[in-house]
Amino acid sequence: MAKWERWSVNKEVPAKLELQALIDDKDGLKLVFTDADENIYTFLFDGLVFSYRNTDEGTLLKTLDHLYKHYDTDYFGEWTLFRVTDSNYLEWLAEEADNIYEKIYDIHHYVFLTSHDVVEVLSTEPPSLIS
């Protein structure tokens, strides 16, 4: 069963953010968010990113059902940044890659849960806050 754990880059980043842009370029995977006051926060995954996906949160009914059953609504409803262990997404990657990366890398599942988007990233390193 997937376990969702809140995480934070630093105390200056508000708990709730909204996605403004997802950019995959030569510098890495950039996720640009704003808070309620329109302050901009850019996260950069510049290490090994094995996979990422952006899904409209309304289509993730099984995921939302899991969260409602196992966590208090305030735990996930008022927070954006999570790390997930025992995730189906990590299992999918391991199966697709015939488990070759598990022997070499420690891959983590990062989730950015917003009111409209759920961005998931499988990476060896957490993102850096670059703004």
N, C-alpha and C. Protein backbone atom coordinates (compact mmCIF):
# COMPACT_ATOMS: atom_id res chain seq x y z
N MET A 1 0.83 -1.17 0.00
CA MET A 1 0.00 0.00 0.00
C MET A 1 0.89 1.25 0.00
N ALA A 2 0.56 2.18 -0.85
CA ALA A 2 1.33 3.41 -0.96
C ALA A 2 1.26 4.22 0.33
N LYS A 3 2.41 4.78 0.72
CA LYS A 3 2.49 5.63 1.91
C LYS A 3 2.90 7.02 1.47
N TRP A 4 2.08 8.00 1.80
CA TRP A 4 2.31 9.39 1.43
C TRP A 4 2.91 10.14 2.61
N GLU A 5 4.04 10.78 2.37
CA GLU A 5 4.73 11.54 3.41
C GLU A 5 4.93 12.97 2.93
N ARG A 6 4.51 13.93 3.73
CA ARG A 6 4.74 15.33 3.39
C ARG A 6 6.25 15.61 3.41
N TRP A 7 6.68 16.50 2.52
CA TRP A 7 8.05 16.96 2.57
C TRP A 7 8.07 18.43 2.15
N SER A 8 9.17 19.08 2.46
CA SER A 8 9.29 20.49 2.15
C SER A 8 10.73 20.80 1.75
N VAL A 9 10.88 21.69 0.82
CA VAL A 9 12.21 22.12 0.41
C VAL A 9 12.79 23.04 1.48
N ASN A 10 11.99 23.97 1.95
CA ASN A 10 12.36 24.83 3.07
C ASN A 10 11.11 25.47 3.64
N LYS A 11 11.25 26.14 4.77
CA LYS A 11 10.10 26.70 5.48
C LYS A 11 9.47 27.89 4.76
N GLU A 12 10.17 28.46 3.79
CA GLU A 12 9.64 29.63 3.08
C GLU A 12 8.60 29.25 2.03
N VAL A 13 8.58 27.98 1.63
CA VAL A 13 7.63 27.54 0.61
C VAL A 13 6.29 27.24 1.29
N PRO A 14 5.22 27.89 0.84
CA PRO A 14 3.91 27.63 1.45
C PRO A 14 3.45 26.19 1.23
N ALA A 15 2.55 25.76 2.08
CA ALA A 15 2.06 24.38 2.02
C ALA A 15 1.26 24.13 0.74
N LYS A 16 0.52 25.11 0.26
CA LYS A 16 -0.35 24.91 -0.89
C LYS A 16 0.13 25.74 -2.07
N LEU A 17 0.32 25.07 -3.20
CA LEU A 17 0.79 25.72 -4.43
C LEU A 17 -0.08 25.30 -5.60
N GLU A 18 -0.02 26.08 -6.69
CA GLU A 18 -0.72 25.74 -7.93
C GLU A 18 0.26 25.73 -9.08
N LEU A 19 0.17 24.71 -9.91
CA LEU A 19 1.07 24.56 -11.06
C LEU A 19 0.79 25.61 -12.12
N GLN A 20 1.85 26.26 -12.60
CA GLN A 20 1.76 27.23 -13.69
C GLN A 20 2.43 26.73 -14.96
N ALA A 21 3.50 25.94 -14.80
CA ALA A 21 4.22 25.45 -15.99
C ALA A 21 5.02 24.20 -15.62
N LEU A 22 5.15 23.34 -16.61
CA LEU A 22 6.00 22.16 -16.53
C LEU A 22 6.90 22.22 -17.75
N ILE A 23 8.21 22.31 -17.53
CA ILE A 23 9.16 22.51 -18.62
C ILE A 23 10.22 21.41 -18.55
N ASP A 24 10.36 20.69 -19.64
CA ASP A 24 11.38 19.64 -19.74
C ASP A 24 12.35 20.08 -20.83
N ASP A 25 13.52 20.58 -20.42
CA ASP A 25 14.49 21.05 -21.39
C ASP A 25 15.89 20.58 -21.00
N LYS A 26 16.91 21.14 -21.64
CA LYS A 26 18.29 20.70 -21.42
C LYS A 26 18.76 20.91 -19.99
N ASP A 27 18.12 21.81 -19.26
CA ASP A 27 18.51 22.08 -17.87
C ASP A 27 17.91 21.08 -16.88
N GLY A 28 16.90 20.35 -17.32
CA GLY A 28 16.22 19.40 -16.45
C GLY A 28 14.72 19.60 -16.50
N LEU A 29 14.05 19.03 -15.53
CA LEU A 29 12.60 19.15 -15.43
C LEU A 29 12.28 20.27 -14.45
N LYS A 30 11.62 21.33 -14.94
CA LYS A 30 11.26 22.48 -14.11
C LYS A 30 9.76 22.49 -13.90
N LEU A 31 9.38 22.68 -12.65
CA LEU A 31 7.97 22.82 -12.29
C LEU A 31 7.82 24.20 -11.66
N VAL A 32 6.95 25.01 -12.25
CA VAL A 32 6.76 26.38 -11.79
C VAL A 32 5.39 26.47 -11.12
N PHE A 33 5.39 26.95 -9.88
CA PHE A 33 4.17 27.05 -9.08
C PHE A 33 3.99 28.48 -8.59
N THR A 34 2.76 28.80 -8.23
CA THR A 34 2.48 30.05 -7.53
C THR A 34 1.70 29.72 -6.26
N ASP A 35 1.80 30.64 -5.30
CA ASP A 35 1.00 30.51 -4.08
C ASP A 35 -0.21 31.43 -4.20
N ALA A 36 -0.97 31.55 -3.14
CA ALA A 36 -2.20 32.36 -3.16
C ALA A 36 -1.91 33.84 -3.41
N ASP A 37 -0.69 34.29 -3.09
CA ASP A 37 -0.31 35.69 -3.31
C ASP A 37 0.41 35.90 -4.64
N GLU A 38 0.41 34.89 -5.49
CA GLU A 38 1.04 34.93 -6.81
C GLU A 38 2.57 34.97 -6.75
N ASN A 39 3.16 34.60 -5.64
CA ASN A 39 4.61 34.44 -5.57
C ASN A 39 4.97 33.19 -6.38
N ILE A 40 6.12 33.23 -7.05
CA ILE A 40 6.53 32.13 -7.93
C ILE A 40 7.58 31.28 -7.25
N TYR A 41 7.41 29.96 -7.39
CA TYR A 41 8.36 28.98 -6.84
C TYR A 41 8.69 28.00 -7.96
N THR A 42 9.96 27.91 -8.31
CA THR A 42 10.38 27.01 -9.38
C THR A 42 11.23 25.89 -8.79
N PHE A 43 10.82 24.67 -9.07
CA PHE A 43 11.54 23.48 -8.62
C PHE A 43 12.24 22.88 -9.83
N LEU A 44 13.49 22.50 -9.65
CA LEU A 44 14.27 21.94 -10.75
C LEU A 44 14.78 20.55 -10.36
N PHE A 45 14.40 19.58 -11.16
CA PHE A 45 14.99 18.25 -11.08
C PHE A 45 16.10 18.23 -12.11
N ASP A 46 17.36 18.35 -11.67
CA ASP A 46 18.46 18.37 -12.63
C ASP A 46 19.33 17.12 -12.55
N GLY A 47 18.89 16.16 -11.77
CA GLY A 47 19.58 14.87 -11.68
C GLY A 47 18.91 13.87 -12.60
N LEU A 48 18.99 12.62 -12.23
CA LEU A 48 18.37 11.57 -13.02
C LEU A 48 16.87 11.53 -12.80
N VAL A 49 16.11 11.85 -13.83
CA VAL A 49 14.65 11.72 -13.82
C VAL A 49 14.32 10.56 -14.75
N PHE A 50 13.77 9.51 -14.19
CA PHE A 50 13.46 8.32 -14.98
C PHE A 50 12.10 8.42 -15.65
N SER A 51 11.18 9.12 -15.00
CA SER A 51 9.84 9.24 -15.56
C SER A 51 9.12 10.36 -14.83
N TYR A 52 8.16 10.97 -15.51
CA TYR A 52 7.26 11.91 -14.86
C TYR A 52 5.93 11.89 -15.59
N ARG A 53 4.90 12.30 -14.89
CA ARG A 53 3.58 12.39 -15.51
C ARG A 53 2.79 13.50 -14.83
N ASN A 54 1.92 14.11 -15.60
CA ASN A 54 1.02 15.15 -15.10
C ASN A 54 -0.39 14.70 -15.41
N THR A 55 -1.19 14.56 -14.37
CA THR A 55 -2.55 14.05 -14.53
C THR A 55 -3.53 15.03 -13.89
N ASP A 56 -4.65 15.26 -14.54
CA ASP A 56 -5.71 16.06 -13.95
C ASP A 56 -6.17 15.36 -12.68
N GLU A 57 -6.18 16.07 -11.55
CA GLU A 57 -6.47 15.42 -10.27
C GLU A 57 -7.85 14.77 -10.26
N GLY A 58 -8.77 15.27 -11.03
CA GLY A 58 -10.12 14.70 -11.04
C GLY A 58 -10.21 13.32 -11.66
N THR A 59 -9.19 12.91 -12.39
CA THR A 59 -9.22 11.57 -12.99
C THR A 59 -8.55 10.52 -12.12
N LEU A 60 -7.90 10.93 -11.06
CA LEU A 60 -7.20 9.99 -10.18
C LEU A 60 -8.11 9.52 -9.05
N LEU A 61 -9.23 8.95 -9.40
CA LEU A 61 -10.23 8.57 -8.42
C LEU A 61 -9.72 7.51 -7.43
N LYS A 62 -8.96 6.55 -7.90
CA LYS A 62 -8.42 5.53 -7.00
C LYS A 62 -7.41 6.13 -6.03
N THR A 63 -6.58 7.02 -6.52
CA THR A 63 -5.60 7.68 -5.66
C THR A 63 -6.29 8.54 -4.62
N LEU A 64 -7.26 9.32 -5.04
CA LEU A 64 -7.99 10.16 -4.09
C LEU A 64 -8.74 9.32 -3.07
N ASP A 65 -9.33 8.21 -3.52
CA ASP A 65 -10.02 7.31 -2.60
C ASP A 65 -9.05 6.76 -1.55
N HIS A 66 -7.85 6.38 -2.00
CA HIS A 66 -6.82 5.91 -1.06
C HIS A 66 -6.47 6.98 -0.04
N LEU A 67 -6.30 8.22 -0.50
CA LEU A 67 -5.96 9.30 0.41
C LEU A 67 -7.07 9.55 1.43
N TYR A 68 -8.33 9.58 0.97
CA TYR A 68 -9.45 9.80 1.88
C TYR A 68 -9.58 8.68 2.91
N LYS A 69 -9.27 7.46 2.52
CA LYS A 69 -9.40 6.32 3.43
C LYS A 69 -8.28 6.25 4.46
N HIS A 70 -7.09 6.73 4.10
CA HIS A 70 -5.93 6.51 4.96
C HIS A 70 -5.34 7.76 5.60
N TYR A 71 -5.82 8.94 5.20
CA TYR A 71 -5.27 10.18 5.73
C TYR A 71 -6.39 11.17 6.03
N ASP A 72 -6.13 12.04 6.97
CA ASP A 72 -7.04 13.13 7.27
C ASP A 72 -7.06 14.07 6.07
N THR A 73 -8.22 14.60 5.75
CA THR A 73 -8.34 15.49 4.58
C THR A 73 -7.36 16.66 4.65
N ASP A 74 -7.14 17.22 5.84
CA ASP A 74 -6.19 18.33 5.97
C ASP A 74 -4.76 17.90 5.64
N TYR A 75 -4.46 16.63 5.84
CA TYR A 75 -3.10 16.13 5.59
C TYR A 75 -2.71 16.30 4.12
N PHE A 76 -3.63 15.96 3.23
CA PHE A 76 -3.32 16.08 1.80
C PHE A 76 -4.03 17.24 1.12
N GLY A 77 -5.13 17.71 1.68
CA GLY A 77 -5.89 18.79 1.06
C GLY A 77 -5.25 20.15 1.19
N GLU A 78 -4.42 20.30 2.21
CA GLU A 78 -3.77 21.59 2.47
C GLU A 78 -2.27 21.51 2.31
N TRP A 79 -1.81 20.58 1.47
CA TRP A 79 -0.37 20.39 1.27
C TRP A 79 -0.13 20.02 -0.18
N THR A 80 1.02 20.38 -0.72
CA THR A 80 1.34 20.10 -2.12
C THR A 80 2.44 19.07 -2.30
N LEU A 81 3.49 19.11 -1.49
CA LEU A 81 4.68 18.29 -1.73
C LEU A 81 4.66 16.99 -0.93
N PHE A 82 4.80 15.88 -1.65
CA PHE A 82 4.80 14.56 -1.01
C PHE A 82 5.88 13.67 -1.60
N ARG A 83 6.32 12.72 -0.79
CA ARG A 83 7.10 11.58 -1.26
C ARG A 83 6.26 10.35 -0.99
N VAL A 84 6.25 9.44 -1.96
CA VAL A 84 5.43 8.24 -1.83
C VAL A 84 6.35 7.03 -1.86
N THR A 85 6.15 6.15 -0.89
CA THR A 85 6.87 4.87 -0.88
C THR A 85 5.86 3.76 -1.16
N ASP A 86 6.37 2.62 -1.55
CA ASP A 86 5.52 1.48 -1.94
C ASP A 86 4.52 1.89 -3.01
N SER A 87 4.97 2.66 -3.97
CA SER A 87 4.05 3.20 -4.98
C SER A 87 3.94 2.28 -6.20
N ASN A 88 2.75 2.30 -6.78
CA ASN A 88 2.52 1.55 -8.01
C ASN A 88 3.33 2.12 -9.16
N TYR A 89 3.57 3.41 -9.15
CA TYR A 89 4.36 4.06 -10.20
C TYR A 89 5.80 3.53 -10.18
N LEU A 90 6.39 3.42 -8.98
CA LEU A 90 7.74 2.84 -8.87
C LEU A 90 7.75 1.37 -9.29
N GLU A 91 6.70 0.65 -8.92
CA GLU A 91 6.60 -0.76 -9.32
C GLU A 91 6.51 -0.87 -10.85
N TRP A 92 5.74 0.03 -11.45
CA TRP A 92 5.61 0.03 -12.91
C TRP A 92 6.97 0.26 -13.58
N LEU A 93 7.73 1.25 -13.07
CA LEU A 93 9.05 1.54 -13.64
C LEU A 93 9.97 0.33 -13.50
N ALA A 94 9.98 -0.29 -12.33
CA ALA A 94 10.84 -1.45 -12.10
C ALA A 94 10.49 -2.58 -13.08
N GLU A 95 9.20 -2.80 -13.27
CA GLU A 95 8.77 -3.86 -14.19
C GLU A 95 9.15 -3.53 -15.63
N GLU A 96 8.90 -2.31 -16.04
CA GLU A 96 9.23 -1.90 -17.41
C GLU A 96 10.72 -1.98 -17.68
N ALA A 97 11.54 -1.68 -16.67
CA ALA A 97 13.00 -1.66 -16.84
C ALA A 97 13.63 -3.01 -16.46
N ASP A 98 12.78 -4.01 -16.25
CA ASP A 98 13.26 -5.34 -15.88
C ASP A 98 14.16 -5.28 -14.64
N ASN A 99 13.82 -4.37 -13.73
CA ASN A 99 14.50 -4.20 -12.44
C ASN A 99 15.99 -3.86 -12.54
N ILE A 100 16.46 -3.37 -13.68
CA ILE A 100 17.90 -3.09 -13.81
C ILE A 100 18.33 -1.87 -13.01
N TYR A 101 17.44 -0.89 -12.82
CA TYR A 101 17.82 0.34 -12.13
C TYR A 101 17.81 0.17 -10.61
N GLU A 102 16.99 -0.71 -10.10
CA GLU A 102 16.92 -0.91 -8.65
C GLU A 102 18.25 -1.35 -8.06
N LYS A 103 19.06 -2.01 -8.85
CA LYS A 103 20.36 -2.48 -8.38
C LYS A 103 21.39 -1.36 -8.33
N ILE A 104 21.14 -0.30 -9.08
CA ILE A 104 22.13 0.77 -9.23
C ILE A 104 21.70 2.06 -8.52
N TYR A 105 20.41 2.39 -8.59
CA TYR A 105 19.92 3.68 -8.11
C TYR A 105 18.87 3.54 -7.03
N ASP A 106 18.82 4.54 -6.17
CA ASP A 106 17.77 4.67 -5.18
C ASP A 106 16.78 5.69 -5.74
N ILE A 107 15.70 5.21 -6.30
CA ILE A 107 14.74 6.07 -7.00
C ILE A 107 13.59 6.40 -6.06
N HIS A 108 13.21 7.69 -6.05
CA HIS A 108 12.14 8.16 -5.18
C HIS A 108 10.97 8.68 -6.02
N HIS A 109 9.80 8.58 -5.44
CA HIS A 109 8.56 9.03 -6.07
C HIS A 109 8.13 10.34 -5.40
N TYR A 110 8.22 11.44 -6.13
CA TYR A 110 7.83 12.75 -5.65
C TYR A 110 6.49 13.13 -6.28
N VAL A 111 5.62 13.71 -5.47
CA VAL A 111 4.30 14.11 -5.95
C VAL A 111 4.05 15.56 -5.58
N PHE A 112 3.52 16.30 -6.56
CA PHE A 112 3.08 17.68 -6.37
C PHE A 112 1.57 17.66 -6.56
N LEU A 113 0.83 17.70 -5.47
CA LEU A 113 -0.62 17.57 -5.48
C LEU A 113 -1.24 18.96 -5.39
N THR A 114 -1.91 19.37 -6.46
CA THR A 114 -2.57 20.67 -6.47
C THR A 114 -4.07 20.46 -6.69
N SER A 115 -4.81 21.54 -6.70
CA SER A 115 -6.26 21.41 -6.88
C SER A 115 -6.65 21.05 -8.31
N HIS A 116 -5.72 21.16 -9.26
CA HIS A 116 -6.02 20.83 -10.65
C HIS A 116 -5.10 19.78 -11.25
N ASP A 117 -3.89 19.68 -10.76
CA ASP A 117 -2.89 18.79 -11.34
C ASP A 117 -2.24 17.93 -10.28
N VAL A 118 -1.83 16.73 -10.71
CA VAL A 118 -0.99 15.88 -9.88
C VAL A 118 0.23 15.54 -10.73
N VAL A 119 1.37 16.14 -10.38
CA VAL A 119 2.61 15.90 -11.10
C VAL A 119 3.42 14.90 -10.28
N GLU A 120 3.81 13.81 -10.92
CA GLU A 120 4.59 12.77 -10.25
C GLU A 120 5.92 12.63 -10.97
N VAL A 121 6.98 12.52 -10.19
CA VAL A 121 8.33 12.43 -10.74
C VAL A 121 9.06 11.29 -10.07
N LEU A 122 9.68 10.45 -10.88
CA LEU A 122 10.55 9.37 -10.37
C LEU A 122 11.97 9.82 -10.62
N SER A 123 12.69 10.11 -9.52
CA SER A 123 14.02 10.69 -9.63
C SER A 123 14.91 10.17 -8.49
N THR A 124 16.21 10.24 -8.72
CA THR A 124 17.17 9.84 -7.68
C THR A 124 17.38 10.93 -6.64
N GLU A 125 17.07 12.17 -6.99
CA GLU A 125 17.31 13.31 -6.10
C GLU A 125 16.07 14.17 -6.00
N PRO A 126 15.86 14.81 -4.86
CA PRO A 126 14.75 15.76 -4.77
C PRO A 126 15.07 17.00 -5.63
N PRO A 127 14.06 17.77 -5.93
CA PRO A 127 14.30 18.98 -6.72
C PRO A 127 14.95 20.06 -5.88
N SER A 128 15.59 20.98 -6.58
CA SER A 128 16.12 22.19 -5.94
C SER A 128 15.11 23.31 -6.16
N LEU A 129 15.02 24.18 -5.19
CA LEU A 129 14.20 25.38 -5.34
C LEU A 129 15.10 26.44 -5.95
N ILE A 130 14.76 26.90 -7.16
CA ILE A 130 15.66 27.84 -7.84
C ILE A 130 15.12 29.26 -7.87
N SER A 131 13.95 29.49 -7.30
CA SER A 131 13.46 30.88 -7.21
C SER A 131 12.52 31.01 -6.03
